[in-house]
Protein backbone atom coordinates (compact mmCIF):
# COMPACT_ATOMS: atom_id res chain seq x y z
CA MET A 1 -0.10 0.29 -0.05
CA ALA A 2 1.71 3.50 -0.88
CA LEU A 3 2.41 5.93 1.56
CA LYS A 4 -0.33 8.62 1.98
CA SER A 5 1.26 12.23 2.68
CA LEU A 6 -0.07 15.83 3.05
CA ARG A 7 1.96 18.74 2.75
CA LEU A 8 1.37 21.66 4.44
CA ARG A 9 2.50 25.10 3.95
CA ALA A 10 3.76 27.38 7.02
CA GLY A 11 5.28 30.39 5.51
CA ARG A 12 8.25 29.62 3.71
CA CYS A 13 8.49 26.02 5.78
CA GLU A 14 7.26 23.05 4.06
CA VAL A 15 5.84 19.89 6.67
CA SER A 16 5.25 16.69 5.38
CA ILE A 17 3.42 14.20 7.59
CA ARG A 18 2.97 10.74 6.24
CA ARG A 19 0.37 8.18 7.43
CA ILE A 20 2.12 5.21 7.89
CA PRO A 21 -0.42 1.79 8.02
CA PHE A 22 0.29 -0.62 10.36
CA GLN A 23 0.98 -3.47 7.99
CA LYS A 24 3.82 -1.69 6.89
CA PHE A 25 5.74 -2.97 9.68
CA GLY A 26 4.37 -6.99 8.96
CA LYS A 27 1.53 -7.19 11.32
CA SER A 28 -1.12 -4.83 12.59
CA LEU A 29 -0.42 -3.41 15.98
CA LEU A 30 -3.97 -4.34 16.81
CA SER A 31 -2.83 -8.05 16.08
CA SER A 32 -0.59 -8.11 18.98
CA PRO A 33 -0.93 -11.34 20.64
CA MET A 34 -1.51 -9.02 23.90
CA ALA A 35 -4.25 -7.68 22.51
CA PRO A 36 -7.74 -9.42 22.89
CA SER A 37 -6.37 -10.31 26.44
CA CYS A 38 -5.53 -7.14 27.48
CA ASN A 39 -9.05 -5.45 28.88
CA SER A 40 -7.19 -3.37 31.13
CA ALA A 41 -8.85 -0.90 33.48
CA ILE A 42 -8.12 2.38 34.69
CA ILE A 43 -6.47 1.67 38.09
CA ALA A 44 -5.53 4.89 39.01
CA GLU A 45 -4.95 8.25 37.81
CA ILE A 46 -2.44 11.16 38.39
CA VAL A 47 -4.05 14.20 39.67
CA ARG A 48 -1.91 17.90 39.51
CA GLY A 49 -4.18 20.57 41.07
CA GLN A 50 -8.10 20.03 40.41
CA HIS A 51 -8.04 17.64 37.57
CA VAL A 52 -6.43 14.69 35.69
CA GLU A 53 -3.33 14.53 34.46
CA SER A 54 -3.02 10.92 33.20
CA CYS A 55 -3.83 7.47 34.23
CA HIS A 56 -2.34 4.12 34.85
CA LEU A 57 -4.06 1.06 32.73
CA GLY A 58 -3.69 -2.23 34.92
CA HIS A 59 -5.02 -5.42 36.43
CA ALA A 60 -5.79 -6.56 39.98
CA VAL A 61 -7.06 -9.68 40.87
CA VAL A 62 -7.59 -10.72 44.62
CA ALA A 63 -7.73 -15.19 44.66
CA ASP A 64 -8.05 -17.32 47.16
CA SER A 65 -5.81 -20.84 47.44
CA GLU A 66 -7.79 -23.05 44.98
CA GLY A 67 -7.98 -20.03 42.44
CA GLN A 68 -11.59 -19.11 43.07
CA VAL A 69 -11.76 -15.11 42.29
CA LEU A 70 -12.73 -13.03 45.09
CA PHE A 71 -12.40 -10.00 43.50
CA ALA A 72 -10.63 -8.27 40.35
CA VAL A 73 -10.13 -5.56 38.23
CA GLY A 74 -9.58 -5.54 34.44
CA ASN A 75 -8.11 -9.05 33.21
CA HIS A 76 -7.28 -11.22 35.95
CA GLU A 77 -6.29 -14.00 33.68
CA ARG A 78 -3.81 -11.37 31.46
CA PRO A 79 -0.30 -13.17 31.51
CA THR A 80 2.70 -11.80 32.91
CA PHE A 81 5.85 -12.42 34.00
CA PRO A 82 6.25 -11.65 37.54
CA ARG A 83 9.84 -11.28 37.62
CA SER A 84 10.91 -10.81 41.17
CA ALA A 85 7.33 -10.97 42.70
CA LEU A 86 7.88 -15.20 42.32
CA LYS A 87 10.86 -15.17 44.56
CA PRO A 88 9.20 -16.67 47.71
CA LEU A 89 7.76 -19.02 45.82
CA GLN A 90 11.21 -20.06 43.94
CA ALA A 91 12.74 -19.73 47.31
CA LEU A 92 10.39 -22.68 48.42
CA ALA A 93 12.70 -24.94 46.24
CA GLY A 94 15.27 -24.96 48.01
CA ILE A 95 13.91 -25.23 51.68
CA MET A 96 12.21 -28.05 50.62
CA SER A 97 15.01 -29.75 49.44
CA GLY A 98 16.44 -29.20 52.74
CA THR A 99 19.12 -26.00 52.20
CA ALA A 100 17.46 -23.92 55.39
CA HIS A 101 18.14 -27.25 57.74
CA GLN A 102 22.05 -28.06 56.06
CA PHE A 103 23.32 -25.41 55.99
CA GLN A 104 21.54 -23.70 59.24
CA PHE A 105 20.16 -20.39 57.13
CA THR A 106 18.82 -17.75 59.61
CA ASP A 107 15.77 -16.07 59.02
CA ALA A 108 17.46 -13.08 57.86
CA GLU A 109 19.39 -15.13 55.16
CA LEU A 110 16.24 -16.55 54.34
CA ALA A 111 14.60 -13.59 53.65
CA VAL A 112 17.34 -12.09 51.67
CA ILE A 113 17.22 -15.11 49.24
CA CYS A 114 13.21 -14.51 49.30
CA GLY A 115 13.64 -10.43 48.43
CA SER A 116 15.14 -7.64 45.82
CA HIS A 117 17.92 -6.11 48.80
CA ARG A 118 19.00 -2.48 48.29
CA GLY A 119 22.58 -3.23 48.89
CA GLU A 120 22.59 -2.07 52.83
CA PRO A 121 25.12 -3.26 54.76
CA ARG A 122 23.29 -6.33 56.65
CA HIS A 123 21.74 -7.26 53.35
CA ARG A 124 25.50 -8.11 51.44
CA ALA A 125 26.82 -9.34 55.24
CA ALA A 126 23.94 -12.10 54.66
CA VAL A 127 24.94 -12.77 51.29
CA ARG A 128 27.94 -13.40 52.44
CA SER A 129 27.17 -15.44 55.18
CA ILE A 130 25.03 -18.16 52.87
CA LEU A 131 28.30 -18.22 50.55
CA GLU A 132 30.22 -19.35 53.39
CA LYS A 133 28.15 -21.40 54.98
CA ILE A 134 27.84 -23.27 51.28
CA GLU A 135 31.18 -22.95 50.37
CA ALA A 136 30.77 -20.94 47.29
CA THR A 137 32.32 -18.26 46.31
CA GLU A 138 31.02 -14.87 44.95
CA GLU A 139 32.47 -15.25 41.42
CA GLN A 140 30.13 -17.95 41.64
CA LEU A 141 26.77 -15.88 41.22
CA HIS A 142 25.55 -15.54 38.01
CA CYS A 143 24.06 -12.16 38.87
CA GLY A 144 26.50 -9.92 37.62
CA PRO A 145 27.29 -6.43 39.49
CA PRO A 146 23.86 -3.81 39.35
CA ALA A 147 23.66 -0.03 40.08
CA VAL A 148 23.48 -0.08 43.47
CA VAL A 149 20.41 1.56 45.10
CA ASP A 150 21.44 2.24 48.94
CA VAL A 151 22.43 5.56 48.03
CA ALA A 152 24.87 5.09 51.21
CA THR A 153 26.42 2.08 50.04
CA ARG A 154 27.01 3.49 46.61
CA ASP A 155 28.38 6.77 48.18
CA GLU A 156 30.89 4.66 50.07
CA LEU A 157 31.96 2.32 47.07
CA ILE A 158 32.62 6.07 45.31
CA ARG A 159 34.86 7.21 48.59
CA ALA A 160 36.77 3.72 48.24
CA GLY A 161 37.32 3.84 44.43
CA GLN A 162 34.93 0.51 44.37
CA ALA A 163 33.39 -0.60 41.93
CA PRO A 164 29.62 -2.66 42.37
CA THR A 165 29.97 -6.44 42.57
CA ALA A 166 27.82 -9.26 42.20
CA ILE A 167 27.32 -9.04 46.20
CA ASP A 168 25.88 -5.73 45.74
CA ASN A 169 22.98 -7.06 43.13
CA ASN A 170 19.58 -6.65 44.42
CA CYS A 171 19.09 -10.34 43.48
CA SER A 172 22.12 -12.07 44.75
CA GLY A 173 20.13 -13.06 47.95
CA LYS A 174 17.97 -15.31 45.69
CA HIS A 175 21.35 -16.06 43.70
CA ALA A 176 23.14 -17.31 46.61
CA GLY A 177 19.88 -19.68 47.38
CA MET A 178 20.08 -21.46 44.32
CA LEU A 179 23.84 -22.07 44.77
CA ALA A 180 22.81 -23.64 47.83
CA LEU A 181 19.79 -25.66 46.32
CA ALA A 182 22.80 -26.98 43.86
CA LYS A 183 25.23 -28.44 46.27
CA VAL A 184 22.06 -29.92 48.51
CA LEU A 185 21.43 -31.74 44.71
CA GLY A 186 25.07 -32.56 44.42
CA ALA A 187 24.25 -30.88 41.08
CA SER A 188 27.41 -28.77 39.41
CA LEU A 189 27.32 -25.00 40.28
CA ASP A 190 27.96 -24.25 36.72
CA GLY A 191 24.89 -23.76 34.96
CA TYR A 192 22.49 -23.33 37.25
CA TRP A 193 21.00 -20.39 35.95
CA ASN A 194 19.90 -22.89 32.43
CA ILE A 195 16.77 -24.24 32.23
CA ASP A 196 17.70 -27.48 32.21
CA HIS A 197 19.48 -27.57 35.13
CA PRO A 198 18.28 -29.62 37.93
CA VAL A 199 17.99 -26.17 40.17
CA GLN A 200 15.85 -24.64 37.60
CA GLN A 201 13.83 -27.91 37.16
CA LYS A 202 13.13 -28.14 40.47
CA ILE A 203 12.29 -24.75 41.09
CA GLN A 204 9.79 -24.34 38.33
CA ARG A 205 8.09 -27.74 39.27
CA ILE A 206 7.39 -26.38 42.91
CA CYS A 207 6.07 -22.80 41.01
CA ARG A 208 3.13 -25.07 38.87
CA GLU A 209 2.30 -26.85 41.96
CA MET A 210 1.81 -23.47 44.13
CA CYS A 211 0.19 -21.32 40.93
CA GLY A 212 -1.94 -23.99 40.49
CA VAL A 213 -0.47 -24.45 36.87
CA ASP A 214 -2.36 -27.26 34.74
CA GLY A 215 0.43 -30.40 34.45
CA ALA A 216 -0.66 -30.92 30.87
CA SER A 217 0.49 -26.99 30.38
CA SER A 218 3.57 -26.21 29.42
CA LEU A 219 5.22 -23.07 31.49
CA GLU A 220 6.73 -20.37 29.31
CA CYS A 221 9.80 -19.20 30.53
CA ALA A 222 12.03 -16.19 29.59
CA VAL A 223 15.06 -14.63 30.64
CA ASP A 224 14.50 -12.22 33.55
CA GLY A 225 16.55 -8.82 34.82
CA CYS A 226 18.91 -11.10 37.01
CA ALA A 227 19.95 -13.73 34.12
CA VAL A 228 17.94 -16.69 35.46
CA PRO A 229 14.72 -17.80 34.18
CA THR A 230 11.38 -16.53 35.01
CA TYR A 231 7.71 -17.82 34.11
CA ARG A 232 5.15 -16.58 32.53
CA LEU A 233 1.62 -16.97 34.91
CA THR A 234 -1.66 -15.59 34.68
CA LEU A 235 -2.07 -12.93 37.95
CA ARG A 236 -4.87 -15.32 38.90
CA GLN A 237 -2.00 -18.00 39.14
CA LEU A 238 0.23 -15.64 41.05
CA ALA A 239 -2.17 -14.88 43.12
CA GLN A 240 -2.74 -18.23 44.06
CA GLY A 241 0.85 -18.63 44.46
CA PHE A 242 0.34 -16.67 47.22
CA ALA A 243 -2.58 -17.50 48.58
CA ARG A 244 -0.99 -21.14 49.00
CA LEU A 245 1.88 -19.95 50.80
CA CYS A 246 -0.15 -17.89 53.57
CA ALA A 247 -2.39 -21.14 53.61
CA PRO A 248 0.44 -23.89 54.71
CA GLN A 249 -2.26 -26.28 56.94
CA HIS A 250 -4.06 -26.85 53.79
CA LEU A 251 -1.14 -28.02 51.97
CA GLU A 252 0.72 -31.23 52.18
CA GLN A 253 3.00 -31.12 54.79
CA ALA A 254 6.82 -30.78 53.02
CA TYR A 255 4.88 -27.70 51.65
CA GLY A 256 3.58 -26.42 53.94
CA ASP A 257 6.63 -26.81 56.40
CA ALA A 258 8.51 -24.77 53.98
CA CYS A 259 5.36 -22.32 53.39
CA ARG A 260 5.88 -21.55 57.13
CA ARG A 261 9.42 -20.54 57.34
CA VAL A 262 9.22 -18.76 54.11
CA LEU A 263 6.81 -17.23 55.99
CA SER A 264 8.60 -16.71 59.47
CA ALA A 265 11.34 -15.46 57.90
CA MET A 266 9.74 -12.58 55.77
CA ILE A 267 7.57 -11.71 59.03
CA THR A 268 10.52 -11.72 61.48
CA GLU A 269 13.38 -9.69 58.52
CA PRO A 270 11.09 -8.13 56.91
CA ASP A 271 14.03 -4.88 55.99
CA MET A 272 15.78 -7.78 54.52
CA VAL A 273 13.04 -8.45 51.71
CA GLY A 274 13.65 -5.16 50.53
CA GLY A 275 15.42 -2.42 52.72
CA ILE A 276 14.52 0.42 55.04
CA ASP A 277 12.24 2.08 52.27
CA ALA A 278 10.73 -0.20 50.08
CA ARG A 279 7.34 -0.85 49.87
CA ASP A 280 7.56 -4.47 50.57
CA SER A 281 9.47 -4.02 54.09
CA ILE A 282 7.29 -0.90 54.87
CA LEU A 283 3.68 -2.77 54.22
CA MET A 284 5.47 -5.56 56.43
CA ARG A 285 6.25 -4.04 59.12
CA ALA A 286 2.76 -1.67 59.08
CA LEU A 287 1.10 -4.92 59.09
CA PRO A 288 3.54 -7.10 61.30
CA GLY A 289 2.30 -11.11 60.95
CA MET A 290 -0.49 -10.22 58.75
CA VAL A 291 0.59 -9.53 55.30
CA VAL A 292 3.41 -10.44 53.24
CA ALA A 293 4.68 -8.68 49.71
CA LYS A 294 7.11 -8.75 47.03
CA ALA A 295 7.21 -6.51 44.05
CA GLY A 296 8.28 -7.41 40.79
CA ALA A 297 9.68 -5.63 37.77
CA GLU A 298 7.55 -3.96 34.78
CA GLY A 299 4.92 -3.12 37.15
CA VAL A 300 3.80 -6.06 39.14
CA GLN A 301 3.53 -6.70 42.48
CA ALA A 302 2.28 -9.60 44.63
CA MET A 303 1.31 -10.44 48.39
CA GLY A 304 -0.42 -12.43 50.71
CA ILE A 305 -2.24 -12.77 53.49
CA VAL A 306 -1.19 -14.23 56.63
CA HIS A 307 -4.07 -17.24 57.75
CA ARG A 308 -6.56 -16.05 55.74
CA GLY A 309 -5.34 -17.77 52.52
CA ILE A 310 -5.83 -14.92 50.05
CA GLY A 311 -3.48 -13.90 47.68
CA VAL A 312 -3.32 -10.38 45.78
CA ALA A 313 -1.65 -10.09 41.73
CA ILE A 314 -1.25 -6.36 40.22
CA LYS A 315 0.51 -5.61 36.83
CA VAL A 316 0.67 -2.14 35.78
CA GLU A 317 0.07 -2.44 31.94
CA ASP A 318 2.61 0.46 31.49
CA GLY A 319 5.68 -1.32 33.65
CA ALA A 320 5.67 2.33 35.91
CA ASP A 321 6.22 1.34 39.40
CA ARG A 322 4.55 4.93 41.23
CA PRO A 323 1.01 3.49 40.83
CA LEU A 324 1.73 0.77 43.05
CA TRP A 325 1.79 2.26 46.25
CA PRO A 326 -1.84 3.59 46.45
CA ILE A 327 -3.24 0.30 44.54
CA CYS A 328 -1.47 -2.08 47.25
CA VAL A 329 -3.36 0.47 49.94
CA ALA A 330 -6.77 0.48 48.17
CA ILE A 331 -6.96 -3.44 47.99
CA LEU A 332 -5.61 -3.81 51.85
CA ARG A 333 -8.33 -1.53 53.23
CA ARG A 334 -11.29 -3.69 50.07
CA LEU A 335 -9.69 -6.61 52.88
CA ASP A 336 -10.14 -4.83 55.99
CA LEU A 337 -7.01 -5.10 57.07
CA LEU A 338 -5.90 -1.27 57.87
CA PRO A 339 -6.26 0.42 61.12
CA GLU A 340 -8.14 3.27 61.27
CA PRO A 341 -6.28 5.97 61.19
CA LEU A 342 -4.11 4.79 58.75
CA PRO A 343 0.08 4.33 60.10
CA ALA A 344 1.63 7.38 59.14
CA GLU A 345 4.16 5.19 56.41
CA LEU A 346 0.51 3.99 54.55
CA LEU A 347 -1.72 7.52 54.87
CA LYS A 348 1.64 8.91 53.27
CA ALA A 349 1.23 6.01 50.22
CA TRP A 350 -2.07 6.29 50.02
CA GLN A 351 -2.24 9.13 48.04
CA ALA A 352 1.12 9.45 46.70
CA GLU A 353 2.42 13.13 46.60
CA LEU A 354 3.99 14.68 43.92
CA LYS A 355 5.84 17.29 44.04
CA ASN A 356 8.02 20.04 41.99
CA THR A 357 11.56 20.83 41.76
CA ARG A 358 11.22 23.30 45.03
CA GLY A 359 9.75 20.69 47.07
CA ASP A 360 5.97 21.90 46.96
CA ARG A 361 3.28 19.07 46.57
CA VAL A 362 1.59 20.20 43.50
CA GLY A 363 -0.62 16.60 42.89
CA PHE A 364 -0.98 13.10 44.02
CA VAL A 365 -1.35 9.39 42.91
CA ARG A 366 -4.75 8.10 43.76
CA ALA A 367 -6.16 4.46 43.17
CA CYS A 368 -8.85 3.54 41.05
CA ILE A 369 -10.10 0.52 42.85
């Protein structure tokens, strides 16, 4: 099909506007495999002054341990890669195989295995301790060096003239846990990141069981940001996985015992899951023993409601993190989990402030759930 062209004259300047049909690029954008299944809803609005300036589309689902949907906005069957939100379920593979018992992991060490840490001193010390206990080295971590999130740690490295190393990576705890699993399985520590390695095969089986994935269905995978597999799940399945994590009494003993250990570690050491200022850690500190939370990249958030066997999964379509705080608070309010008045940290999150370069409040982000 020929391109249509319209020429506009503006004084001595000419501007050419070209219409390019979707088919010019091989496939219509409207025929993307994601388009029919999206059915997104407006889940958050950005308010500046008295008016809505923009909005975020997305999905949220609350499900029980059987996968029954209790509440949903958007498309609860929207498939996505949970990214780091999957870490507490990935950690179950090691615990069920005996890593926590064999290496006498502390709650802090298990929490950092489940977490996306910010490179704070406690985080790095916990990962080093895991590596020491399993007789592995930092060089065997496949996650690679990161951009350090914790400002104090970053400044310390700069002053010392040092570059970040793999242990500073926010996924180094997960990788150390995978090395521990390779040890107890008697598998090679090299290649633990490959999909056909016993470590990843074990993790995949447990994720399928926890998330209620049909055994006859293939569990698609891709490479996560830290170079290990991440698995494509629907939001309902992710919510079901966190619901089962929080209902260990309904699982067979091996799964139930492992879930209790993960819950204990995350609840006892919430700051090891994220960091002092991380959303996951703040939620678990504000609601001690009631909620476990784990964020993932590209606008994903998962939560489990302890003792109620309920899971929550959220996906922001544009991958933004910005609206997740007010959405989390809105859902927890719907579930009657929040005290009144709200704790200060959650009240601030309920309508996340927008500030200008002078630090003045000029608007806020609010949930539409």
